[in-house]
Amino acid sequence: MTNFVQKAIDVATKATEEDRKENFPEALKLYEHAVECFMTAMKYEKNDRIKESIKKKCVEYLERAEKIKKFVGAKDGKDKKKPVADGAKDDDEEDADPESKQLRSMLNSAIVIEKPNVKWEDVAGLTSAKEALQEAVILPLRLPHLFKGKRTPWRGILLYGPPGTGKSYLAKAVATEANNSTFISVSSSDIVSKWQGQSEKLVKSLFDIAREKSPCIIFIDEIDSLVSARSDNDSESSRRIKTEFLVQMQGVGHNNEGLLVLGATNVPWMLDSAIRRRFEKRIYIPLPEAPARIVMFENCIGTTGHTLTRENFQELARISEGYSGADVSIVVRDALMSPIRKVQMATHFKQVRGCSHKNPDLEIDDMWMPCSPGDRGAVAKSWKDIDPDKLAEPKVDLADMKRSLAKTKPTVGENDLTKLKEFTKEFGEDG
C-alpha cells in the first residue's frame, strides 16, 4: 500500500510541476494517473482517517483536472481562460499579479504532502505538551462542536527547551495525527530573501496560503533566528520581517480561525517580547526523566540482537541522568557498533549454533563467533577467513552500553538549564 501512496504522491508532484509550466495536456494526464494510484491505495488502506485524507486529495486533484479539461477542450480561442487552482486569483487578476504567483510557488516546498510516520505513543514522556497540542489541533478536528463561543483552541504554541529533547519530533507527531489539516514546515531559508522587500511578502504569502488551506498548522523550527528581540542594530529587512510576523499572527483584519502557529526554539529568551505574547502557550520541554529514558533506550535499540533485560534498561536510565533524547540515541548507536568492532578485532573464533542472515529462522551448528583466545574450541583466524554466511552476529550487552555511555557525554550544560528554568519560572509552563 505504501508503494501506491508514494507513487501517487510522485505523480501528483510531477502534475503540479507541469501545471505550473502551463503544460496543461501533460498535467491533465498526470493528475488523472495520480487519482488512479490514490484510489488503488484506498483499497488496501484500513485506517479510516488516512482513507479520508486520501479521498480529500482525490477530490482536489479531480476538480483541478476538470478545470484543465475544460480549458484544453475549449475551441473558441476568445473564450479560453487559463484554469485556476482553488483559492488562487482568477484569470486576469492572476496575470496582473505575477509576483504573488511567484511567491506562492517559492513556498510550495514548505507544504508537507506525505505525513511523517510518528505517533503520540512514539514520543516518550512530555505529557503536558501532548495534551496542549491535542487541545489545539486534534480535538477541534474530531470534536468541533465543543469549540464554540468563547471556548476556542490555542492559536500559538511555543515549544522550548534544551536541544535534543523532542520538540521537532513532537511536530512530526502533530503532522501525523492531524490527518485533515495541512502541515506547513518553515525554516528561515524559506522566508529570508536577498531581494529588498521580498522577505516580508513571503511571510504574508505564507499566512495567506495557510488561511486558504485551513485548518492548517505552520511549524517554524528555530524561530529565534527569524524573530529575535528587536534592537537599534537590526537591519531594515530584519525589522520588516518581525513586524510582518507580528501583524500576521495577531493583527487587525486577519482572521486566524483554524490556524495554529507552532514554534520551537532552544533559546526562548532571545525572542522578541511581542512575539512571545502571541504564543499563548509556552511549554517547557525538559530533559527526559528516568521512565522516559527507559523507553528511549528500548526504542533506539529496536529489534537489533541484544541480551539486555528490563533491569538492565532501568540501570542504564539511572546512570544516564542529564542526557537528552538525542544523547541517548547517540549512545545506543555507538553501542550497536560494538559487535562489528568485536568481529573486526577478533583474533580467535569458535563454532556455535546460530542462524544465518540468509535464513534467520533456521539454526545451524557451524556458525563462527568471535571469542577470547583462552575459550574452549577457540581457533586462530581472522574474519576475512570466514564465509560471511557462517559469521554469527555477537549481541549487544550491558557492558557495551556502559562503555558507550562512558565515552559519550551529555550535550546540555548546567548554565543552559539554569537559563531555561528561569525563563520557565517567569514566562512558561512545565512540560
Protein backbone atom coordinates (compact mmCIF):
# COMPACT_ATOMS: atom_id res chain seq x y z
CA MET A 1 0.00 0.00 0.00
CA THR A 2 2.84 2.38 0.86
CA ASN A 3 4.21 1.94 -2.67
CA PHE A 4 0.88 3.04 -4.20
CA VAL A 5 0.70 6.11 -1.95
CA GLN A 6 4.30 7.06 -2.69
CA LYS A 7 3.75 6.56 -6.42
CA ALA A 8 0.61 8.71 -6.27
CA ILE A 9 2.50 11.47 -4.44
CA ASP A 10 5.32 11.37 -7.00
CA VAL A 11 2.88 11.54 -9.92
CA ALA A 12 0.90 14.37 -8.28
CA THR A 13 4.12 16.31 -7.75
CA LYS A 14 5.01 15.96 -11.44
CA ALA A 15 1.46 17.02 -12.36
CA THR A 16 1.81 20.16 -10.24
CA GLU A 17 5.14 20.97 -11.88
CA GLU A 18 3.65 20.62 -15.39
CA ASP A 19 0.66 22.67 -14.26
CA ARG A 20 2.96 25.50 -13.16
CA LYS A 21 4.76 25.35 -16.52
CA GLU A 22 1.29 25.66 -18.17
CA ASN A 23 1.85 22.34 -19.96
CA PHE A 24 -1.84 21.57 -19.35
CA PRO A 25 -2.34 18.44 -21.54
CA GLU A 26 0.52 16.63 -19.78
CA ALA A 27 -0.64 17.92 -16.37
CA LEU A 28 -4.15 16.55 -17.05
CA LYS A 29 -2.79 13.05 -17.78
CA LEU A 30 -0.65 13.11 -14.66
CA TYR A 31 -3.49 14.33 -12.40
CA GLU A 32 -5.75 11.52 -13.67
CA HIS A 33 -2.94 8.97 -13.17
CA ALA A 34 -2.34 10.26 -9.61
CA VAL A 35 -6.02 9.85 -8.77
CA GLU A 36 -5.93 6.24 -10.05
CA CYS A 37 -2.93 5.50 -7.80
CA PHE A 38 -4.64 7.09 -4.78
CA MET A 39 -7.81 5.06 -5.43
CA THR A 40 -5.74 1.86 -5.62
CA ALA A 41 -4.07 2.74 -2.30
CA MET A 42 -7.51 3.25 -0.69
CA LYS A 43 -8.45 -0.35 -1.45
CA TYR A 44 -5.64 -1.62 0.78
CA GLU A 45 -5.75 1.10 3.48
CA LYS A 46 -7.51 0.07 6.72
CA ASN A 47 -7.15 3.32 8.68
CA ASP A 48 -10.34 5.39 8.20
CA ARG A 49 -8.60 8.71 8.86
CA ILE A 50 -5.94 8.04 6.23
CA LYS A 51 -8.68 6.93 3.82
CA GLU A 52 -10.49 10.22 4.39
CA SER A 53 -7.27 12.15 3.78
CA ILE A 54 -6.63 10.27 0.52
CA LYS A 55 -10.24 10.85 -0.56
CA LYS A 56 -9.83 14.58 0.06
CA LYS A 57 -6.72 14.63 -2.15
CA CYS A 58 -8.56 12.73 -4.90
CA VAL A 59 -11.39 15.28 -4.91
CA GLU A 60 -8.87 18.14 -5.04
CA TYR A 61 -6.98 16.68 -7.99
CA LEU A 62 -10.18 15.70 -9.83
CA GLU A 63 -11.51 19.25 -9.55
CA ARG A 64 -8.23 20.59 -10.87
CA ALA A 65 -8.24 18.07 -13.72
CA GLU A 66 -11.80 19.10 -14.64
CA LYS A 67 -10.77 22.75 -14.92
CA ILE A 68 -7.82 21.84 -17.14
CA LYS A 69 -10.01 19.56 -19.26
CA LYS A 70 -12.42 22.40 -19.95
CA PHE A 71 -9.54 24.66 -20.90
CA VAL A 72 -7.88 22.11 -23.18
CA GLY A 73 -11.20 21.23 -24.81
CA ALA A 74 -12.29 24.81 -25.47
CA LYS A 75 -12.40 25.53 -29.21
CA ASP A 76 -13.17 29.24 -29.20
CA GLY A 77 -9.84 30.97 -28.62
CA LYS A 78 -11.52 34.16 -27.35
CA ASP A 79 -13.38 32.30 -24.65
CA LYS A 80 -10.32 30.37 -23.48
CA LYS A 81 -9.29 31.07 -19.92
CA LYS A 82 -6.39 29.56 -18.07
CA PRO A 83 -7.53 27.06 -15.42
CA VAL A 84 -7.12 28.46 -11.92
CA ALA A 85 -6.23 26.46 -8.80
CA ASP A 86 -8.62 26.54 -5.85
CA GLY A 87 -8.06 29.57 -3.64
CA ALA A 88 -5.99 31.39 -6.28
CA LYS A 89 -6.97 34.55 -8.14
CA ASP A 90 -8.98 34.15 -11.32
CA ASP A 91 -7.62 34.70 -14.84
CA ASP A 92 -6.81 38.37 -15.49
CA GLU A 93 -6.27 39.02 -11.78
CA GLU A 94 -3.65 36.25 -11.70
CA ASP A 95 -1.91 37.62 -14.79
CA ALA A 96 -1.98 41.08 -13.24
CA ASP A 97 -0.13 39.85 -10.14
CA PRO A 98 2.69 37.55 -11.31
CA GLU A 99 4.72 38.41 -8.20
CA SER A 100 2.12 36.81 -5.93
CA LYS A 101 2.18 33.67 -8.08
CA GLN A 102 5.98 33.53 -7.83
CA LEU A 103 5.94 33.95 -4.03
CA ARG A 104 3.40 31.15 -3.63
CA SER A 105 5.44 28.80 -5.82
CA MET A 106 8.50 29.54 -3.67
CA LEU A 107 6.57 28.46 -0.55
CA ASN A 108 5.08 25.29 -2.06
CA SER A 109 8.10 23.25 -0.97
CA ALA A 110 7.29 24.07 2.67
CA ILE A 111 3.95 22.25 2.49
CA VAL A 112 4.33 18.67 3.75
CA ILE A 113 2.39 16.32 1.46
CA GLU A 114 3.44 12.98 2.92
CA LYS A 115 2.83 12.69 6.66
CA PRO A 116 5.74 11.52 8.87
CA ASN A 117 5.04 8.16 10.48
CA VAL A 118 5.39 9.39 14.10
CA LYS A 119 2.54 8.76 16.56
CA TRP A 120 1.82 10.09 20.05
CA GLU A 121 2.93 6.84 21.66
CA ASP A 122 6.31 7.13 19.91
CA VAL A 123 7.01 10.30 21.93
CA ALA A 124 8.22 9.28 25.39
CA GLY A 125 7.00 11.48 28.27
CA LEU A 126 6.09 15.15 27.53
CA THR A 127 2.52 14.65 28.77
CA SER A 128 1.72 18.36 29.17
CA ALA A 129 3.00 19.23 25.70
CA LYS A 130 0.98 16.43 24.09
CA GLU A 131 -2.18 17.49 25.94
CA ALA A 132 -1.77 21.11 24.80
CA LEU A 133 -1.24 20.04 21.18
CA GLN A 134 -4.27 17.75 21.32
CA GLU A 135 -6.35 20.66 22.65
CA ALA A 136 -5.08 22.92 19.87
CA VAL A 137 -5.12 20.53 16.90
CA ILE A 138 -6.63 17.07 17.32
CA LEU A 139 -9.77 17.74 19.40
CA PRO A 140 -11.03 20.70 17.30
CA LEU A 141 -10.84 18.47 14.23
CA ARG A 142 -12.61 15.49 15.78
CA LEU A 143 -14.99 17.29 18.17
CA PRO A 144 -15.66 20.70 16.55
CA HIS A 145 -18.96 21.14 18.44
CA LEU A 146 -17.01 21.51 21.70
CA PHE A 147 -15.07 24.54 20.46
CA LYS A 148 -17.75 27.18 20.06
CA GLY A 149 -18.41 30.56 21.61
CA LYS A 150 -15.64 31.65 23.94
CA ARG A 151 -14.04 28.19 24.02
CA THR A 152 -11.52 28.46 21.19
CA PRO A 153 -8.40 26.36 20.53
CA TRP A 154 -4.93 27.82 21.01
CA ARG A 155 -3.63 29.85 18.06
CA GLY A 156 0.04 29.92 19.04
CA ILE A 157 2.15 27.34 20.91
CA LEU A 158 5.86 27.71 21.65
CA LEU A 159 7.89 24.60 22.47
CA TYR A 160 11.19 25.47 24.09
CA GLY A 161 13.88 23.58 25.96
CA PRO A 162 17.36 22.08 25.64
CA PRO A 163 18.41 20.75 22.24
CA GLY A 164 17.60 17.11 21.54
CA THR A 165 14.54 16.84 23.82
CA GLY A 166 11.97 16.10 21.11
CA LYS A 167 10.49 19.46 20.04
CA SER A 168 10.73 18.75 16.31
CA TYR A 169 9.71 15.14 16.95
CA LEU A 170 6.50 16.39 18.59
CA ALA A 171 5.80 18.49 15.50
CA LYS A 172 6.14 15.37 13.35
CA ALA A 173 3.64 13.60 15.61
CA VAL A 174 1.21 16.50 15.14
CA ALA A 175 1.61 16.26 11.36
CA THR A 176 0.85 12.53 11.51
CA GLU A 177 -2.14 12.73 13.87
CA ALA A 178 -3.79 15.78 12.26
CA ASN A 179 -4.75 13.97 9.06
CA ASN A 180 -7.32 16.54 7.97
CA SER A 181 -5.00 19.51 8.45
CA THR A 182 -2.43 20.97 6.09
CA PHE A 183 1.01 20.92 7.71
CA ILE A 184 3.49 23.61 6.62
CA SER A 185 7.04 23.30 7.94
CA VAL A 186 9.03 26.52 7.57
CA SER A 187 12.68 27.42 8.17
CA SER A 188 14.49 30.73 7.81
CA SER A 189 15.68 29.74 4.32
CA ASP A 190 12.03 29.60 3.15
CA ILE A 191 11.35 33.13 4.37
CA VAL A 192 14.53 35.20 4.13
CA SER A 193 15.35 36.54 0.67
CA LYS A 194 18.27 38.60 -0.59
CA TRP A 195 15.87 40.88 -2.51
CA GLN A 196 14.71 44.04 -0.80
CA GLY A 197 11.13 43.79 0.44
CA GLN A 198 10.58 40.17 -0.63
CA SER A 199 11.03 38.55 2.79
CA GLU A 200 8.03 40.26 4.40
CA LYS A 201 5.96 39.48 1.28
CA LEU A 202 6.90 35.81 1.70
CA VAL A 203 5.69 35.96 5.32
CA LYS A 204 2.37 37.44 4.18
CA SER A 205 2.01 34.84 1.40
CA LEU A 206 2.77 32.07 3.90
CA PHE A 207 -0.11 33.10 6.15
CA ASP A 208 -2.42 33.69 3.16
CA ILE A 209 -1.78 30.14 1.96
CA ALA A 210 -2.33 28.79 5.48
CA ARG A 211 -5.70 30.59 5.79
CA GLU A 212 -6.81 29.26 2.39
CA LYS A 213 -5.90 25.71 3.43
CA SER A 214 -7.50 25.97 6.88
CA PRO A 215 -7.38 24.00 9.12
CA CYS A 216 -3.63 24.47 8.88
CA ILE A 217 -0.54 24.19 11.12
CA ILE A 218 2.53 26.35 10.49
CA PHE A 219 5.59 24.84 12.17
CA ILE A 220 8.61 27.16 12.49
CA ASP A 221 11.74 25.42 13.78
CA GLU A 222 14.44 27.58 15.41
CA ILE A 223 12.03 30.51 15.38
CA ASP A 224 14.53 32.68 17.29
CA SER A 225 16.53 33.04 14.06
CA LEU A 226 13.58 34.88 12.48
CA VAL A 227 12.03 36.90 15.30
CA SER A 228 14.73 37.65 17.84
CA ALA A 229 14.38 40.69 20.13
CA ARG A 230 14.29 43.98 18.21
CA SER A 231 17.17 46.40 18.72
CA ASP A 232 18.69 49.55 17.19
CA ASN A 233 21.28 47.40 15.43
CA ASP A 234 18.67 45.47 13.40
CA SER A 235 18.75 45.85 9.64
CA GLU A 236 15.74 47.30 7.86
CA SER A 237 14.95 43.90 6.32
CA SER A 238 15.06 42.15 9.71
CA ARG A 239 12.72 44.72 11.28
CA ARG A 240 10.23 44.31 8.46
CA ILE A 241 10.16 40.51 8.79
CA LYS A 242 9.49 40.75 12.54
CA THR A 243 6.79 43.39 12.05
CA GLU A 244 5.06 41.29 9.39
CA PHE A 245 5.10 38.22 11.67
CA LEU A 246 3.53 40.26 14.46
CA VAL A 247 0.80 41.60 12.19
CA GLN A 248 0.00 38.24 10.60
CA MET A 249 -0.09 36.31 13.89
CA GLN A 250 -2.47 38.70 15.63
CA GLY A 251 -3.07 41.84 13.63
CA VAL A 252 -6.18 43.85 12.87
CA GLY A 253 -8.18 42.50 9.94
CA HIS A 254 -6.71 38.97 9.98
CA ASN A 255 -8.93 36.01 10.74
CA ASN A 256 -6.76 33.20 12.10
CA GLU A 257 -9.56 30.73 12.81
CA GLY A 258 -8.39 27.21 12.04
CA LEU A 259 -4.75 28.33 12.01
CA LEU A 260 -2.11 27.24 14.54
CA VAL A 261 1.42 28.61 14.64
CA LEU A 262 3.75 26.10 16.30
CA GLY A 263 7.22 27.39 17.13
CA ALA A 264 10.30 25.64 18.53
CA THR A 265 13.46 27.13 19.99
CA ASN A 266 16.38 26.32 22.27
CA VAL A 267 16.89 29.94 23.36
CA PRO A 268 13.44 31.40 24.22
CA TRP A 269 14.97 34.44 25.95
CA MET A 270 16.17 35.60 22.51
CA LEU A 271 12.59 36.05 21.24
CA ASP A 272 11.01 39.47 20.92
CA SER A 273 8.58 40.17 23.76
CA ALA A 274 5.74 40.93 21.33
CA ILE A 275 6.22 37.58 19.57
CA ARG A 276 6.38 35.83 22.95
CA ARG A 277 2.98 37.32 23.83
CA ARG A 278 1.45 35.97 20.63
CA PHE A 279 2.40 32.44 21.63
CA GLU A 280 -0.43 31.87 24.09
CA LYS A 281 1.01 28.57 25.35
CA ARG A 282 4.72 28.46 26.14
CA ILE A 283 5.63 24.90 27.09
CA TYR A 284 8.96 23.83 28.53
CA ILE A 285 10.25 20.57 27.03
CA PRO A 286 12.74 19.40 29.70
CA LEU A 287 15.39 16.71 29.68
CA PRO A 288 13.69 13.28 29.87
CA GLU A 289 13.08 11.69 33.25
CA ALA A 290 14.24 8.14 34.03
CA PRO A 291 10.98 6.39 32.89
CA ALA A 292 11.14 8.24 29.56
CA ARG A 293 14.83 7.32 29.15
CA ILE A 294 13.95 3.63 29.63
CA VAL A 295 11.52 3.86 26.71
CA MET A 296 14.10 5.75 24.64
CA PHE A 297 16.77 3.10 25.19
CA GLU A 298 14.29 0.36 24.24
CA ASN A 299 13.06 2.23 21.14
CA CYS A 300 16.57 3.08 19.95
CA ILE A 301 17.87 -0.48 20.20
CA GLY A 302 14.73 -1.76 18.44
CA THR A 303 14.95 -5.30 17.02
CA THR A 304 18.76 -5.46 16.99
CA GLY A 305 20.04 -8.57 18.78
CA HIS A 306 20.87 -7.88 22.44
CA THR A 307 20.97 -9.55 25.86
CA LEU A 308 19.58 -6.60 27.85
CA THR A 309 16.89 -7.27 30.45
CA ARG A 310 14.30 -4.89 31.91
CA GLU A 311 16.59 -4.39 34.92
CA ASN A 312 19.46 -3.50 32.59
CA PHE A 313 17.36 -0.81 30.88
CA GLN A 314 16.42 0.59 34.29
CA GLU A 315 20.09 0.72 35.29
CA LEU A 316 21.02 2.49 32.04
CA ALA A 317 18.26 5.04 32.63
CA ARG A 318 19.57 5.65 36.16
CA ILE A 319 23.18 6.28 35.13
CA SER A 320 22.23 8.44 32.13
CA GLU A 321 20.86 11.32 34.24
CA GLY A 322 21.24 14.62 32.33
CA TYR A 323 21.19 13.02 28.86
CA SER A 324 18.73 14.31 26.26
CA GLY A 325 16.80 12.09 23.88
CA ALA A 326 19.33 12.84 21.13
CA ASP A 327 22.18 11.95 23.52
CA VAL A 328 20.56 8.59 24.31
CA SER A 329 20.18 7.91 20.59
CA ILE A 330 23.91 8.57 20.03
CA VAL A 331 24.86 6.31 22.96
CA VAL A 332 22.80 3.42 21.57
CA ARG A 333 24.10 3.92 18.03
CA ASP A 334 27.67 3.74 19.32
CA ALA A 335 26.85 0.60 21.35
CA LEU A 336 25.29 -1.05 18.29
CA MET A 337 28.67 -0.78 16.58
CA SER A 338 30.35 -2.84 19.32
CA PRO A 339 29.56 -6.26 17.74
CA ILE A 340 31.13 -5.07 14.48
CA ARG A 341 34.24 -3.93 16.35
CA LYS A 342 34.43 -7.32 18.10
CA VAL A 343 34.32 -9.12 14.76
CA GLN A 344 36.88 -6.80 13.21
CA MET A 345 39.38 -7.00 16.08
CA ALA A 346 38.96 -10.69 16.97
CA THR A 347 41.97 -12.98 16.53
CA HIS A 348 40.12 -16.15 17.53
CA PHE A 349 36.70 -17.60 16.67
CA LYS A 350 34.77 -20.62 17.89
CA GLN A 351 31.94 -22.60 16.36
CA VAL A 352 28.47 -22.09 17.81
CA ARG A 353 24.88 -22.91 16.96
CA GLY A 354 23.17 -19.92 15.36
CA CYS A 355 21.15 -18.52 12.49
CA SER A 356 22.47 -17.46 9.11
CA HIS A 357 21.49 -13.97 7.98
CA LYS A 358 20.15 -15.53 4.76
CA ASN A 359 17.77 -17.80 6.68
CA PRO A 360 17.19 -16.31 10.17
CA ASP A 361 14.55 -18.93 11.07
CA LEU A 362 16.88 -21.90 10.62
CA GLU A 363 19.58 -22.67 13.21
CA ILE A 364 22.78 -24.38 12.11
CA ASP A 365 25.73 -25.75 14.11
CA ASP A 366 28.76 -24.45 12.20
CA MET A 367 28.44 -20.70 12.75
CA TRP A 368 31.58 -18.81 13.85
CA MET A 369 31.53 -16.37 16.76
CA PRO A 370 34.48 -14.12 17.88
CA CYS A 371 35.89 -15.25 21.22
CA SER A 372 38.82 -14.97 23.61
CA PRO A 373 41.98 -16.96 22.78
CA GLY A 374 41.50 -18.90 26.03
CA ASP A 375 37.95 -20.04 25.24
CA ARG A 376 37.32 -23.74 24.69
CA GLY A 377 37.28 -24.51 20.97
CA ALA A 378 38.92 -21.19 20.01
CA VAL A 379 40.57 -21.25 16.59
CA ALA A 380 43.09 -18.61 15.50
CA LYS A 381 41.68 -16.93 12.40
CA SER A 382 40.51 -13.58 11.05
CA TRP A 383 37.00 -12.60 9.99
CA LYS A 384 38.36 -12.48 6.43
CA ASP A 385 38.92 -16.27 6.59
CA ILE A 386 35.25 -16.96 7.39
CA ASP A 387 32.40 -17.36 4.92
CA PRO A 388 30.11 -14.33 5.54
CA ASP A 389 27.10 -16.65 5.69
CA LYS A 390 28.77 -18.55 8.55
CA LEU A 391 29.62 -15.48 10.67
CA ALA A 392 27.39 -15.21 13.77
CA GLU A 393 26.48 -11.69 14.90
CA PRO A 394 27.54 -11.00 18.51
CA LYS A 395 24.72 -9.50 20.58
CA VAL A 396 24.86 -6.12 22.28
CA ASP A 397 25.21 -6.49 26.05
CA LEU A 398 25.16 -4.24 29.12
CA ALA A 399 28.94 -3.79 29.06
CA ASP A 400 28.73 -2.42 25.51
CA MET A 401 26.07 0.10 26.57
CA LYS A 402 28.03 1.22 29.64
CA ARG A 403 31.19 1.60 27.59
CA SER A 404 29.34 3.87 25.13
CA LEU A 405 27.82 5.87 27.99
CA ALA A 406 31.27 6.48 29.45
CA LYS A 407 32.54 7.77 26.07
CA THR A 408 29.50 9.93 25.17
CA LYS A 409 29.00 12.99 27.32
CA PRO A 410 25.68 14.87 27.62
CA THR A 411 25.40 17.92 25.35
CA VAL A 412 23.34 20.15 27.66
CA GLY A 413 25.26 22.21 30.23
CA GLU A 414 24.12 23.46 33.64
CA ASN A 415 24.23 27.11 32.52
CA ASP A 416 21.74 26.43 29.72
CA LEU A 417 19.42 24.55 32.08
CA THR A 418 19.56 27.40 34.60
CA LYS A 419 18.57 29.96 31.96
CA LEU A 420 15.71 27.76 30.72
CA LYS A 421 14.38 27.22 34.26
CA GLU A 422 14.49 30.97 34.94
CA PHE A 423 12.58 31.65 31.71
CA THR A 424 10.02 28.98 32.64
CA LYS A 425 9.56 30.50 36.09
CA GLU A 426 8.89 33.91 34.56
CA PHE A 427 7.06 33.19 31.30
CA GLY A 428 6.40 29.50 30.65
CA GLU A 429 4.93 26.29 31.98
CA ASP A 430 6.50 22.91 32.62
CA GLY A 431 6.07 20.14 30.03
